[in-house]
Amino acid sequence: MTDVAVLTTANEPPRPKTYDAHELMPDGNPACIVLGDQSYYLRITRAGKLILTK
């Protein structure tokens, strides 16, 4: 993963972490994301869109 340091001022809310989808799925296979006891799958379509499914 690539971490990018970003300077913020005291008045700005913290920015969310940023991930490159191709780094999460380097071989093109879906990435599994777990939230509690649920698993979700993130994939990249041929059109370059992201789809998250259960």
Protein backbone atom coordinates (compact mmCIF):
# COMPACT_ATOMS: atom_id res chain seq x y z
CA MET A 1 0.00 0.00 0.00
CA THR A 2 1.10 3.53 -0.63
CA ASP A 3 0.81 5.89 2.32
CA VAL A 4 0.61 9.56 1.42
CA ALA A 5 1.37 12.11 4.11
CA VAL A 6 -1.01 15.04 3.96
CA LEU A 7 -0.70 18.13 6.14
CA THR A 8 -3.96 19.41 7.61
CA THR A 9 -4.75 22.46 9.66
CA ALA A 10 -6.43 22.37 13.06
CA ASN A 11 -9.77 23.42 11.50
CA GLU A 12 -9.89 20.63 8.91
CA PRO A 13 -11.40 17.24 9.71
CA PRO A 14 -8.99 14.32 9.23
CA ARG A 15 -8.96 12.93 5.71
CA PRO A 16 -9.91 9.29 5.19
CA LYS A 17 -7.22 6.74 4.35
CA THR A 18 -6.76 6.34 0.61
CA TYR A 19 -6.22 2.99 -1.09
CA ASP A 20 -5.47 2.21 -4.71
CA ALA A 21 -7.96 -0.45 -5.86
CA HIS A 22 -5.31 -2.11 -8.04
CA GLU A 23 -3.07 -2.51 -4.98
CA LEU A 24 -5.95 -4.18 -3.10
CA MET A 25 -6.54 -6.54 -6.05
CA PRO A 26 -3.18 -6.87 -7.84
CA ASP A 27 -4.09 -10.15 -9.54
CA GLY A 28 -7.54 -8.95 -10.62
CA ASN A 29 -9.38 -11.20 -8.16
CA PRO A 30 -11.98 -9.64 -5.85
CA ALA A 31 -10.87 -8.34 -2.46
CA CYS A 32 -12.76 -9.60 0.60
CA ILE A 33 -13.73 -6.92 3.12
CA VAL A 34 -15.03 -8.06 6.52
CA LEU A 35 -17.34 -5.96 8.69
CA GLY A 36 -18.29 -7.74 11.90
CA ASP A 37 -19.43 -11.21 10.87
CA GLN A 38 -20.30 -10.17 7.29
CA SER A 39 -18.03 -10.56 4.25
CA TYR A 40 -18.23 -8.26 1.24
CA TYR A 41 -16.41 -8.57 -2.08
CA LEU A 42 -14.95 -5.64 -3.97
CA ARG A 43 -14.22 -6.08 -7.66
CA ILE A 44 -13.28 -3.96 -10.65
CA THR A 45 -15.53 -4.25 -13.71
CA ARG A 46 -14.27 -4.30 -17.29
CA ALA A 47 -15.49 -0.69 -17.54
CA GLY A 48 -13.22 0.29 -14.63
CA LYS A 49 -15.99 0.72 -12.04
CA LEU A 50 -15.95 -0.69 -8.51
CA ILE A 51 -18.70 -3.03 -7.31
CA LEU A 52 -19.16 -4.11 -3.68
CA THR A 53 -21.33 -7.22 -3.19
CA LYS A 54 -22.27 -9.37 -0.24
